[in-house]
Amino acid sequence: MSEVNDRGSIKWTAMMLPEHIQMLNKMWKDKERKAKPMLDEQELEEINMKLQLAIHHHLPVQIKYYSDYDYKVIKGKIKKIDLADKYIQLDDYTKIGLMDILDVVTE
């Protein structure tokens, strides 16, 4: 029995217009996007307490946050919490919006 060498959707791209290929690429990229989870009041209060503890005791933290339709993790020490502009700044000058933070782990 012979094996079929099927190239999937690659075989059809030669017959597609560039606009169709761009639309398919955008569709596949949109499909990989993750939704931002909504945190309840208790989770937000817990994150706030961990941030306050970390800044007052100069503890390193690991922060999970939402950015560009994906979840990201960063480690460092908190340099500043700006409540007026609603962001935190780490010691490497990275700024993270307070509403984008999903979890904080003190180390």
PDB file of N, CA and C in Angstrom:
ATOM      1  N   MET A   1       0.837  -1.179   0.000  1.00  0.00           N
ATOM      2  CA  MET A   1       0.000   0.000   0.000  1.00  0.00           C
ATOM      3  C   MET A   1       0.885   1.246   0.000  1.00  0.00           C
ATOM      4  N   SER A   2       0.626   2.167  -0.854  1.00  0.00           N
ATOM      5  CA  SER A   2       1.456   3.367  -0.941  1.00  0.00           C
ATOM      6  C   SER A   2       0.946   4.431   0.022  1.00  0.00           C
ATOM      7  N   GLU A   3       1.883   5.217   0.576  1.00  0.00           N
ATOM      8  CA  GLU A   3       1.519   6.291   1.490  1.00  0.00           C
ATOM      9  C   GLU A   3       1.286   7.576   0.702  1.00  0.00           C
ATOM     10  N   VAL A   4       0.261   8.286   1.074  1.00  0.00           N
ATOM     11  CA  VAL A   4      -0.086   9.524   0.394  1.00  0.00           C
ATOM     12  C   VAL A   4       0.664  10.669   1.070  1.00  0.00           C
ATOM     13  N   ASN A   5       1.329  11.495   0.268  1.00  0.00           N
ATOM     14  CA  ASN A   5       2.040  12.654   0.789  1.00  0.00           C
ATOM     15  C   ASN A   5       1.125  13.865   0.650  1.00  0.00           C
ATOM     16  N   ASP A   6       0.266  14.051   1.658  1.00  0.00           N
ATOM     17  CA  ASP A   6      -0.678  15.163   1.637  1.00  0.00           C
ATOM     18  C   ASP A   6      -0.059  16.344   2.372  1.00  0.00           C
ATOM     19  N   ARG A   7       0.013  17.483   1.714  1.00  0.00           N
ATOM     20  CA  ARG A   7       0.632  18.665   2.315  1.00  0.00           C
ATOM     21  C   ARG A   7      -0.380  19.550   3.024  1.00  0.00           C
ATOM     22  N   GLY A   8      -1.603  19.076   3.226  1.00  0.00           N
ATOM     23  CA  GLY A   8      -2.610  19.848   3.940  1.00  0.00           C
ATOM     24  C   GLY A   8      -2.986  21.114   3.192  1.00  0.00           C
ATOM     25  N   SER A   9      -3.086  22.212   3.924  1.00  0.00           N
ATOM     26  CA  SER A   9      -3.496  23.479   3.313  1.00  0.00           C
ATOM     27  C   SER A   9      -2.382  24.126   2.499  1.00  0.00           C
ATOM     28  N   ILE A  10      -1.151  23.644   2.628  1.00  0.00           N
ATOM     29  CA  ILE A  10      -0.026  24.221   1.879  1.00  0.00           C
ATOM     30  C   ILE A  10      -0.237  24.071   0.372  1.00  0.00           C
ATOM     31  N   LYS A  11      -0.826  22.942  -0.045  1.00  0.00           N
ATOM     32  CA  LYS A  11      -0.990  22.703  -1.476  1.00  0.00           C
ATOM     33  C   LYS A  11      -1.950  23.696  -2.133  1.00  0.00           C
ATOM     34  N   TRP A  12      -2.838  24.307  -1.353  1.00  0.00           N
ATOM     35  CA  TRP A  12      -3.820  25.224  -1.912  1.00  0.00           C
ATOM     36  C   TRP A  12      -3.327  26.675  -1.942  1.00  0.00           C
ATOM     37  N   THR A  13      -2.275  26.996  -1.208  1.00  0.00           N
ATOM     38  CA  THR A  13      -1.842  28.392  -1.150  1.00  0.00           C
ATOM     39  C   THR A  13      -1.311  28.912  -2.483  1.00  0.00           C
ATOM     40  N   ALA A  14      -0.848  28.029  -3.343  1.00  0.00           N
ATOM     41  CA  ALA A  14      -0.345  28.469  -4.648  1.00  0.00           C
ATOM     42  C   ALA A  14      -1.479  29.013  -5.515  1.00  0.00           C
ATOM     43  N   MET A  15      -2.703  28.549  -5.268  1.00  0.00           N
ATOM     44  CA  MET A  15      -3.848  28.990  -6.069  1.00  0.00           C
ATOM     45  C   MET A  15      -4.631  30.122  -5.398  1.00  0.00           C
ATOM     46  N   MET A  16      -4.195  30.554  -4.239  1.00  0.00           N
ATOM     47  CA  MET A  16      -4.911  31.599  -3.511  1.00  0.00           C
ATOM     48  C   MET A  16      -4.320  32.975  -3.805  1.00  0.00           C
ATOM     49  N   LEU A  17      -5.182  33.948  -3.695  1.00  0.00           N
ATOM     50  CA  LEU A  17      -4.724  35.326  -3.810  1.00  0.00           C
ATOM     51  C   LEU A  17      -4.018  35.729  -2.513  1.00  0.00           C
ATOM     52  N   PRO A  18      -3.091  36.675  -2.569  1.00  0.00           N
ATOM     53  CA  PRO A  18      -2.409  37.115  -1.353  1.00  0.00           C
ATOM     54  C   PRO A  18      -3.370  37.611  -0.267  1.00  0.00           C
ATOM     55  N   GLU A  19      -4.486  38.212  -0.705  1.00  0.00           N
ATOM     56  CA  GLU A  19      -5.467  38.696   0.277  1.00  0.00           C
ATOM     57  C   GLU A  19      -6.093  37.539   1.043  1.00  0.00           C
ATOM     58  N   HIS A  20      -6.318  36.426   0.360  1.00  0.00           N
ATOM     59  CA  HIS A  20      -6.896  35.254   1.020  1.00  0.00           C
ATOM     60  C   HIS A  20      -5.914  34.664   2.027  1.00  0.00           C
ATOM     61  N   ILE A  21      -4.654  34.633   1.651  1.00  0.00           N
ATOM     62  CA  ILE A  21      -3.626  34.104   2.550  1.00  0.00           C
ATOM     63  C   ILE A  21      -3.523  34.983   3.793  1.00  0.00           C
ATOM     64  N   GLN A  22      -3.570  36.308   3.611  1.00  0.00           N
ATOM     65  CA  GLN A  22      -3.527  37.218   4.759  1.00  0.00           C
ATOM     66  C   GLN A  22      -4.730  37.013   5.668  1.00  0.00           C
ATOM     67  N   MET A  23      -5.909  36.822   5.070  1.00  0.00           N
ATOM     68  CA  MET A  23      -7.108  36.593   5.873  1.00  0.00           C
ATOM     69  C   MET A  23      -7.010  35.293   6.663  1.00  0.00           C
ATOM     70  N   LEU A  24      -6.485  34.236   6.039  1.00  0.00           N
ATOM     71  CA  LEU A  24      -6.321  32.963   6.747  1.00  0.00           C
ATOM     72  C   LEU A  24      -5.314  33.091   7.887  1.00  0.00           C
ATOM     73  N   ASN A  25      -4.208  33.778   7.631  1.00  0.00           N
ATOM     74  CA  ASN A  25      -3.212  33.982   8.684  1.00  0.00           C
ATOM     75  C   ASN A  25      -3.797  34.763   9.853  1.00  0.00           C
ATOM     76  N   LYS A  26      -4.586  35.798   9.564  1.00  0.00           N
ATOM     77  CA  LYS A  26      -5.228  36.587  10.617  1.00  0.00           C
ATOM     78  C   LYS A  26      -6.225  35.729  11.396  1.00  0.00           C
ATOM     79  N   MET A  27      -6.961  34.894  10.691  1.00  0.00           N
ATOM     80  CA  MET A  27      -7.930  34.024  11.343  1.00  0.00           C
ATOM     81  C   MET A  27      -7.229  33.051  12.292  1.00  0.00           C
ATOM     82  N   TRP A  28      -6.117  32.459  11.848  1.00  0.00           N
ATOM     83  CA  TRP A  28      -5.387  31.524  12.702  1.00  0.00           C
ATOM     84  C   TRP A  28      -4.792  32.235  13.912  1.00  0.00           C
ATOM     85  N   LYS A  29      -4.296  33.461  13.713  1.00  0.00           N
ATOM     86  CA  LYS A  29      -3.733  34.232  14.812  1.00  0.00           C
ATOM     87  C   LYS A  29      -4.820  34.615  15.825  1.00  0.00           C
ATOM     88  N   ASP A  30      -5.993  35.027  15.323  1.00  0.00           N
ATOM     89  CA  ASP A  30      -7.105  35.379  16.211  1.00  0.00           C
ATOM     90  C   ASP A  30      -7.593  34.172  17.002  1.00  0.00           C
ATOM     91  N   LYS A  31      -7.498  33.011  16.422  1.00  0.00           N
ATOM     92  CA  LYS A  31      -7.934  31.784  17.091  1.00  0.00           C
ATOM     93  C   LYS A  31      -7.043  31.452  18.285  1.00  0.00           C
ATOM     94  N   GLU A  32      -5.774  31.854  18.238  1.00  0.00           N
ATOM     95  CA  GLU A  32      -4.824  31.572  19.316  1.00  0.00           C
ATOM     96  C   GLU A  32      -4.917  32.578  20.469  1.00  0.00           C
ATOM     97  N   ARG A  33      -5.679  33.654  20.303  1.00  0.00           N
ATOM     98  CA  ARG A  33      -5.799  34.666  21.350  1.00  0.00           C
ATOM     99  C   ARG A  33      -6.472  34.096  22.590  1.00  0.00           C
ATOM    100  N   LYS A  34      -6.016  34.571  23.741  1.00  0.00           N
ATOM    101  CA  LYS A  34      -6.605  34.158  25.013  1.00  0.00           C
ATOM    102  C   LYS A  34      -7.425  35.313  25.574  1.00  0.00           C
ATOM    103  N   ALA A  35      -8.501  34.967  26.215  1.00  0.00           N
ATOM    104  CA  ALA A  35      -9.365  35.977  26.811  1.00  0.00           C
ATOM    105  C   ALA A  35      -8.825  36.371  28.187  1.00  0.00           C
ATOM    106  N   LYS A  36      -9.026  37.625  28.545  1.00  0.00           N
ATOM    107  CA  LYS A  36      -8.593  38.108  29.847  1.00  0.00           C
ATOM    108  C   LYS A  36      -9.591  37.637  30.903  1.00  0.00           C
ATOM    109  N   PRO A  37      -9.108  36.917  31.916  1.00  0.00           N
ATOM    110  CA  PRO A  37     -10.031  36.461  32.956  1.00  0.00           C
ATOM    111  C   PRO A  37     -10.472  37.619  33.849  1.00  0.00           C
ATOM    112  N   MET A  38     -11.692  37.546  34.325  1.00  0.00           N
ATOM    113  CA  MET A  38     -12.221  38.555  35.236  1.00  0.00           C
ATOM    114  C   MET A  38     -12.009  38.067  36.669  1.00  0.00           C
ATOM    115  N   LEU A  39     -11.331  38.880  37.474  1.00  0.00           N
ATOM    116  CA  LEU A  39     -11.061  38.530  38.863  1.00  0.00           C
ATOM    117  C   LEU A  39     -12.159  39.096  39.754  1.00  0.00           C
ATOM    118  N   ASP A  40     -12.517  38.345  40.797  1.00  0.00           N
ATOM    119  CA  ASP A  40     -13.521  38.860  41.725  1.00  0.00           C
ATOM    120  C   ASP A  40     -12.847  39.734  42.784  1.00  0.00           C
ATOM    121  N   GLU A  41     -13.636  40.348  43.633  1.00  0.00           N
ATOM    122  CA  GLU A  41     -13.131  41.288  44.644  1.00  0.00           C
ATOM    123  C   GLU A  41     -12.130  40.634  45.594  1.00  0.00           C
ATOM    124  N   GLN A  42     -12.378  39.401  45.968  1.00  0.00           N
ATOM    125  CA  GLN A  42     -11.486  38.703  46.898  1.00  0.00           C
ATOM    126  C   GLN A  42     -10.108  38.479  46.275  1.00  0.00           C
ATOM    127  N   GLU A  43     -10.075  38.073  45.018  1.00  0.00           N
ATOM    128  CA  GLU A  43      -8.802  37.863  44.327  1.00  0.00           C
ATOM    129  C   GLU A  43      -8.049  39.182  44.162  1.00  0.00           C
ATOM    130  N   LEU A  44      -8.766  40.252  43.834  1.00  0.00           N
ATOM    131  CA  LEU A  44      -8.122  41.565  43.697  1.00  0.00           C
ATOM    132  C   LEU A  44      -7.541  42.036  45.029  1.00  0.00           C
ATOM    133  N   GLU A  45      -8.259  41.812  46.127  1.00  0.00           N
ATOM    134  CA  GLU A  45      -7.773  42.198  47.449  1.00  0.00           C
ATOM    135  C   GLU A  45      -6.538  41.387  47.840  1.00  0.00           C
ATOM    136  N   GLU A  46      -6.527  40.107  47.498  1.00  0.00           N
ATOM    137  CA  GLU A  46      -5.367  39.259  47.791  1.00  0.00           C
ATOM    138  C   GLU A  46      -4.139  39.724  47.009  1.00  0.00           C
ATOM    139  N   ILE A  47      -4.324  40.079  45.742  1.00  0.00           N
ATOM    140  CA  ILE A  47      -3.224  40.598  44.922  1.00  0.00           C
ATOM    141  C   ILE A  47      -2.707  41.901  45.521  1.00  0.00           C
ATOM    142  N   ASN A  48      -3.614  42.774  45.943  1.00  0.00           N
ATOM    143  CA  ASN A  48      -3.237  44.042  46.549  1.00  0.00           C
ATOM    144  C   ASN A  48      -2.406  43.823  47.822  1.00  0.00           C
ATOM    145  N   MET A  49      -2.828  42.896  48.671  1.00  0.00           N
ATOM    146  CA  MET A  49      -2.079  42.616  49.904  1.00  0.00           C
ATOM    147  C   MET A  49      -0.683  42.081  49.603  1.00  0.00           C
ATOM    148  N   LYS A  50      -0.576  41.203  48.607  1.00  0.00           N
ATOM    149  CA  LYS A  50       0.734  40.647  48.242  1.00  0.00           C
ATOM    150  C   LYS A  50       1.657  41.733  47.684  1.00  0.00           C
ATOM    151  N   LEU A  51       1.090  42.647  46.889  1.00  0.00           N
ATOM    152  CA  LEU A  51       1.900  43.750  46.349  1.00  0.00           C
ATOM    153  C   LEU A  51       2.389  44.667  47.470  1.00  0.00           C
ATOM    154  N   GLN A  52       1.517  44.994  48.405  1.00  0.00           N
ATOM    155  CA  GLN A  52       1.894  45.857  49.529  1.00  0.00           C
ATOM    156  C   GLN A  52       2.966  45.188  50.391  1.00  0.00           C
ATOM    157  N   LEU A  53       2.800  43.898  50.661  1.00  0.00           N
ATOM    158  CA  LEU A  53       3.779  43.151  51.449  1.00  0.00           C
ATOM    159  C   LEU A  53       5.133  43.140  50.744  1.00  0.00           C
ATOM    160  N   ALA A  54       5.117  42.912  49.436  1.00  0.00           N
ATOM    161  CA  ALA A  54       6.366  42.835  48.671  1.00  0.00           C
ATOM    162  C   ALA A  54       7.092  44.174  48.633  1.00  0.00           C
ATOM    163  N   ILE A  55       6.367  45.279  48.490  1.00  0.00           N
ATOM    164  CA  ILE A  55       7.040  46.578  48.397  1.00  0.00           C
ATOM    165  C   ILE A  55       7.559  47.025  49.759  1.00  0.00           C
ATOM    166  N   HIS A  56       6.833  46.731  50.834  1.00  0.00           N
ATOM    167  CA  HIS A  56       7.270  47.176  52.166  1.00  0.00           C
ATOM    168  C   HIS A  56       8.442  46.355  52.707  1.00  0.00           C
ATOM    169  N   HIS A  57       8.522  45.093  52.301  1.00  0.00           N
ATOM    170  CA  HIS A  57       9.596  44.225  52.799  1.00  0.00           C
ATOM    171  C   HIS A  57      10.662  43.953  51.737  1.00  0.00           C
ATOM    172  N   HIS A  58      10.589  44.646  50.609  1.00  0.00           N
ATOM    173  CA  HIS A  58      11.566  44.523  49.517  1.00  0.00           C
ATOM    174  C   HIS A  58      11.739  43.068  49.074  1.00  0.00           C
ATOM    175  N   LEU A  59      10.619  42.374  48.899  1.00  0.00           N
ATOM    176  CA  LEU A  59      10.642  40.968  48.501  1.00  0.00           C
ATOM    177  C   LEU A  59      10.586  40.837  46.982  1.00  0.00           C
ATOM    178  N   PRO A  60      11.324  39.879  46.426  1.00  0.00           N
ATOM    179  CA  PRO A  60      11.175  39.613  44.988  1.00  0.00           C
ATOM    180  C   PRO A  60       9.822  38.952  44.737  1.00  0.00           C
ATOM    181  N   VAL A  61       9.232  39.259  43.596  1.00  0.00           N
ATOM    182  CA  VAL A  61       7.920  38.713  43.260  1.00  0.00           C
ATOM    183  C   VAL A  61       7.937  38.101  41.859  1.00  0.00           C
ATOM    184  N   GLN A  62       6.983  37.217  41.661  1.00  0.00           N
ATOM    185  CA  GLN A  62       6.716  36.671  40.333  1.00  0.00           C
ATOM    186  C   GLN A  62       5.291  37.086  40.007  1.00  0.00           C
ATOM    187  N   ILE A  63       5.126  37.863  38.938  1.00  0.00           N
ATOM    188  CA  ILE A  63       3.828  38.421  38.583  1.00  0.00           C
ATOM    189  C   ILE A  63       3.347  37.789  37.280  1.00  0.00           C
ATOM    190  N   LYS A  64       2.139  37.241  37.341  1.00  0.00           N
ATOM    191  CA  LYS A  64       1.480  36.736  36.131  1.00  0.00           C
ATOM    192  C   LYS A  64       0.506  37.824  35.700  1.00  0.00           C
ATOM    193  N   TYR A  65       0.622  38.248  34.436  1.00  0.00           N
ATOM    194  CA  TYR A  65      -0.230  39.321  33.944  1.00  0.00           C
ATOM    195  C   TYR A  65      -0.686  39.048  32.514  1.00  0.00           C
ATOM    196  N   TYR A  66      -1.674  39.812  32.086  1.00  0.00           N
ATOM    197  CA  TYR A  66      -2.280  39.666  30.760  1.00  0.00           C
ATOM    198  C   TYR A  66      -1.803  40.799  29.863  1.00  0.00           C
ATOM    199  N   SER A  67      -1.253  40.428  28.706  1.00  0.00           N
ATOM    200  CA  SER A  67      -0.767  41.436  27.768  1.00  0.00           C
ATOM    201  C   SER A  67      -0.777  40.851  26.358  1.00  0.00           C
ATOM    202  N   ASP A  68      -1.215  41.638  25.400  1.00  0.00           N
ATOM    203  CA  ASP A  68      -1.222  41.229  23.992  1.00  0.00           C
ATOM    204  C   ASP A  68      -1.935  39.890  23.777  1.00  0.00           C
ATOM    205  N   TYR A  69      -3.110  39.734  24.398  1.00  0.00           N
ATOM    206  CA  TYR A  69      -3.948  38.542  24.254  1.00  0.00           C
ATOM    207  C   TYR A  69      -3.245  37.263  24.704  1.00  0.00           C
ATOM    208  N   ASP A  70      -2.351  37.362  25.689  1.00  0.00           N
ATOM    209  CA  ASP A  70      -1.650  36.195  26.207  1.00  0.00           C
ATOM    210  C   ASP A  70      -1.304  36.423  27.667  1.00  0.00           C
ATOM    211  N   TYR A  71      -0.970  35.356  28.366  1.00  0.00           N
ATOM    212  CA  TYR A  71      -0.541  35.433  29.757  1.00  0.00           C
ATOM    213  C   TYR A  71       0.984  35.460  29.793  1.00  0.00           C
ATOM    214  N   LYS A  72       1.531  36.368  30.589  1.00  0.00           N
ATOM    215  CA  LYS A  72       2.983  36.493  30.703  1.00  0.00           C
ATOM    216  C   LYS A  72       3.381  36.472  32.163  1.00  0.00           C
ATOM    217  N   VAL A  73       4.619  36.064  32.425  1.00  0.00           N
ATOM    218  CA  VAL A  73       5.150  36.003  33.789  1.00  0.00           C
ATOM    219  C   VAL A  73       6.459  36.771  33.816  1.00  0.00           C
ATOM    220  N   ILE A  74       6.639  37.576  34.864  1.00  0.00           N
ATOM    221  CA  ILE A  74       7.862  38.351  35.025  1.00  0.00           C
ATOM    222  C   ILE A  74       8.280  38.281  36.490  1.00  0.00           C
ATOM    223  N   LYS A  75       9.580  38.289  36.715  1.00  0.00           N
ATOM    224  CA  LYS A  75      10.117  38.274  38.083  1.00  0.00           C
ATOM    225  C   LYS A  75      10.897  39.546  38.329  1.00  0.00           C
ATOM    226  N   GLY A  76      10.902  39.990  39.580  1.00  0.00           N
ATOM    227  CA  GLY A  76      11.668  41.173  39.942  1.00  0.00           C
ATOM    228  C   GLY A  76      11.196  41.728  41.270  1.00  0.00           C
ATOM    229  N   LYS A  77      11.740  42.881  41.631  1.00  0.00           N
ATOM    230  CA  LYS A  77      11.319  43.586  42.839  1.00  0.00           C
ATOM    231  C   LYS A  77      10.507  44.802  42.437  1.00  0.00           C
ATOM    232  N   ILE A  78       9.490  45.081  43.225  1.00  0.00           N
ATOM    233  CA  ILE A  78       8.629  46.217  42.933  1.00  0.00           C
ATOM    234  C   ILE A  78       9.324  47.492  43.371  1.00  0.00           C
ATOM    235  N   LYS A  79       9.448  48.421  42.442  1.00  0.00           N
ATOM    236  CA  LYS A  79      10.078  49.700  42.741  1.00  0.00           C
ATOM    237  C   LYS A  79       9.037  50.724  43.173  1.00  0.00           C
ATOM    238  N   LYS A  80       7.846  50.683  42.534  1.00  0.00           N
ATOM    239  CA  LYS A  80       6.852  51.714  42.799  1.00  0.00           C
ATOM    240  C   LYS A  80       5.466  51.202  42.424  1.00  0.00           C
ATOM    241  N   ILE A  81       4.476  51.597  43.215  1.00  0.00           N
ATOM    242  CA  ILE A  81       3.076  51.359  42.890  1.00  0.00           C
ATOM    243  C   ILE A  81       2.429  52.727  42.709  1.00  0.00           C
ATOM    244  N   ASP A  82       1.969  53.006  41.504  1.00  0.00           N
ATOM    245  CA  ASP A  82       1.347  54.291  41.195  1.00  0.00           C
ATOM    246  C   ASP A  82      -0.165  54.098  41.111  1.00  0.00           C
ATOM    247  N   LEU A  83      -0.873  54.497  42.155  1.00  0.00           N
ATOM    248  CA  LEU A  83      -2.321  54.324  42.195  1.00  0.00           C
ATOM    249  C   LEU A  83      -3.046  55.340  41.318  1.00  0.00           C
ATOM    250  N   ALA A  84      -2.459  56.491  41.084  1.00  0.00           N
ATOM    251  CA  ALA A  84      -3.092  57.510  40.247  1.00  0.00           C
ATOM    252  C   ALA A  84      -3.176  57.038  38.789  1.00  0.00           C
ATOM    253  N   ASP A  85      -2.074  56.513  38.282  1.00  0.00           N
ATOM    254  CA  ASP A  85      -2.047  56.035  36.897  1.00  0.00           C
ATOM    255  C   ASP A  85      -2.297  54.535  36.789  1.00  0.00           C
ATOM    256  N   LYS A  86      -2.478  53.865  37.926  1.00  0.00           N
ATOM    257  CA  LYS A  86      -2.849  52.449  38.015  1.00  0.00           C
ATOM    258  C   LYS A  86      -1.852  51.514  37.331  1.00  0.00           C
ATOM    259  N   TYR A  87      -0.595  51.579  37.778  1.00  0.00           N
ATOM    260  CA  TYR A  87       0.417  50.653  37.300  1.00  0.00           C
ATOM    261  C   TYR A  87       1.439  50.405  38.399  1.00  0.00           C
ATOM    262  N   ILE A  88       2.199  49.312  38.247  1.00  0.00           N
ATOM    263  CA  ILE A  88       3.354  49.079  39.119  1.00  0.00           C
ATOM    264  C   ILE A  88       4.589  49.130  38.240  1.00  0.00           C
ATOM    265  N   GLN A  89       5.698  49.491  38.871  1.00  0.00           N
ATOM    266  CA  GLN A  89       6.964  49.545  38.160  1.00  0.00           C
ATOM    267  C   GLN A  89       7.943  48.647  38.894  1.00  0.00           C
ATOM    268  N   LEU A  90       8.603  47.773  38.147  1.00  0.00           N
ATOM    269  CA  LEU A  90       9.600  46.883  38.727  1.00  0.00           C
ATOM    270  C   LEU A  90      10.965  47.542  38.703  1.00  0.00           C
ATOM    271  N   ASP A  91      11.932  46.891  39.343  1.00  0.00           N
ATOM    272  CA  ASP A  91      13.272  47.467  39.432  1.00  0.00           C
ATOM    273  C   ASP A  91      13.969  47.587  38.079  1.00  0.00           C
ATOM    274  N   ASP A  92      13.504  46.831  37.066  1.00  0.00           N
ATOM    275  CA  ASP A  92      14.078  46.971  35.723  1.00  0.00           C
ATOM    276  C   ASP A  92      13.261  47.949  34.864  1.00  0.00           C
ATOM    277  N   TYR A  93      12.428  48.776  35.525  1.00  0.00           N
ATOM    278  CA  TYR A  93      11.605  49.832  34.913  1.00  0.00           C
ATOM    279  C   TYR A  93      10.475  49.293  34.019  1.00  0.00           C
ATOM    280  N   THR A  94      10.148  48.011  34.165  1.00  0.00           N
ATOM    281  CA  THR A  94       8.987  47.455  33.470  1.00  0.00           C
ATOM    282  C   THR A  94       7.729  47.948  34.157  1.00  0.00           C
ATOM    283  N   LYS A  95       6.759  48.431  33.368  1.00  0.00           N
ATOM    284  CA  LYS A  95       5.485  48.892  33.921  1.00  0.00           C
ATOM    285  C   LYS A  95       4.388  47.903  33.551  1.00  0.00           C
ATOM    286  N   ILE A  96       3.570  47.569  34.548  1.00  0.00           N
ATOM    287  CA  ILE A  96       2.455  46.642  34.357  1.00  0.00           C
ATOM    288  C   ILE A  96       1.211  47.302  34.921  1.00  0.00           C
ATOM    289  N   GLY A  97       0.150  47.335  34.140  1.00  0.00           N
ATOM    290  CA  GLY A  97      -1.111  47.901  34.600  1.00  0.00           C
ATOM    291  C   GLY A  97      -1.698  47.087  35.736  1.00  0.00           C
ATOM    292  N   LEU A  98      -2.220  47.761  36.752  1.00  0.00           N
ATOM    293  CA  LEU A  98      -2.787  47.054  37.898  1.00  0.00           C
ATOM    294  C   LEU A  98      -3.948  46.150  37.497  1.00  0.00           C
ATOM    295  N   MET A  99      -4.731  46.575  36.514  1.00  0.00           N
ATOM    296  CA  MET A  99      -5.880  45.770  36.091  1.00  0.00           C
ATOM    297  C   MET A  99      -5.466  44.581  35.219  1.00  0.00           C
ATOM    298  N   ASP A 100      -4.192  44.527  34.803  1.00  0.00           N
ATOM    299  CA  ASP A 100      -3.713  43.404  33.990  1.00  0.00           C
ATOM    300  C   ASP A 100      -3.088  42.311  34.838  1.00  0.00           C
ATOM    301  N   ILE A 101      -2.861  42.560  36.116  1.00  0.00           N
ATOM    302  CA  ILE A 101      -2.224  41.566  36.985  1.00  0.00           C
ATOM    303  C   ILE A 101      -3.226  40.479  37.334  1.00  0.00           C
ATOM    304  N   LEU A 102      -2.799  39.223  37.141  1.00  0.00           N
ATOM    305  CA  LEU A 102      -3.651  38.079  37.409  1.00  0.00           C
ATOM    306  C   LEU A 102      -3.271  37.358  38.697  1.00  0.00           C
ATOM    307  N   ASP A 103      -1.972  37.369  39.029  1.00  0.00           N
ATOM    308  CA  ASP A 103      -1.512  36.681  40.236  1.00  0.00           C
ATOM    309  C   ASP A 103      -0.149  37.213  40.629  1.00  0.00           C
ATOM    310  N   VAL A 104       0.121  37.198  41.924  1.00  0.00           N
ATOM    311  CA  VAL A 104       1.404  37.627  42.477  1.00  0.00           C
ATOM    312  C   VAL A 104       1.873  36.563  43.447  1.00  0.00           C
ATOM    313  N   VAL A 105       3.128  36.136  43.283  1.00  0.00           N
ATOM    314  CA  VAL A 105       3.738  35.171  44.195  1.00  0.00           C
ATOM    315  C   VAL A 105       4.984  35.814  44.768  1.00  0.00           C
ATOM    316  N   THR A 106       5.040  35.930  46.090  1.00  0.00           N
ATOM    317  CA  THR A 106       6.246  36.479  46.724  1.00  0.00           C
ATOM    318  C   THR A 106       7.234  35.337  46.912  1.00  0.00           C
ATOM    319  N   GLU A 107       8.490  35.657  46.739  1.00  0.00           N
ATOM    320  CA  GLU A 107       9.528  34.623  46.834  1.00  0.00           C
ATOM    321  C   GLU A 107      10.328  34.760  48.092  1.00  0.00           C
TER     322      GLU A 107
END
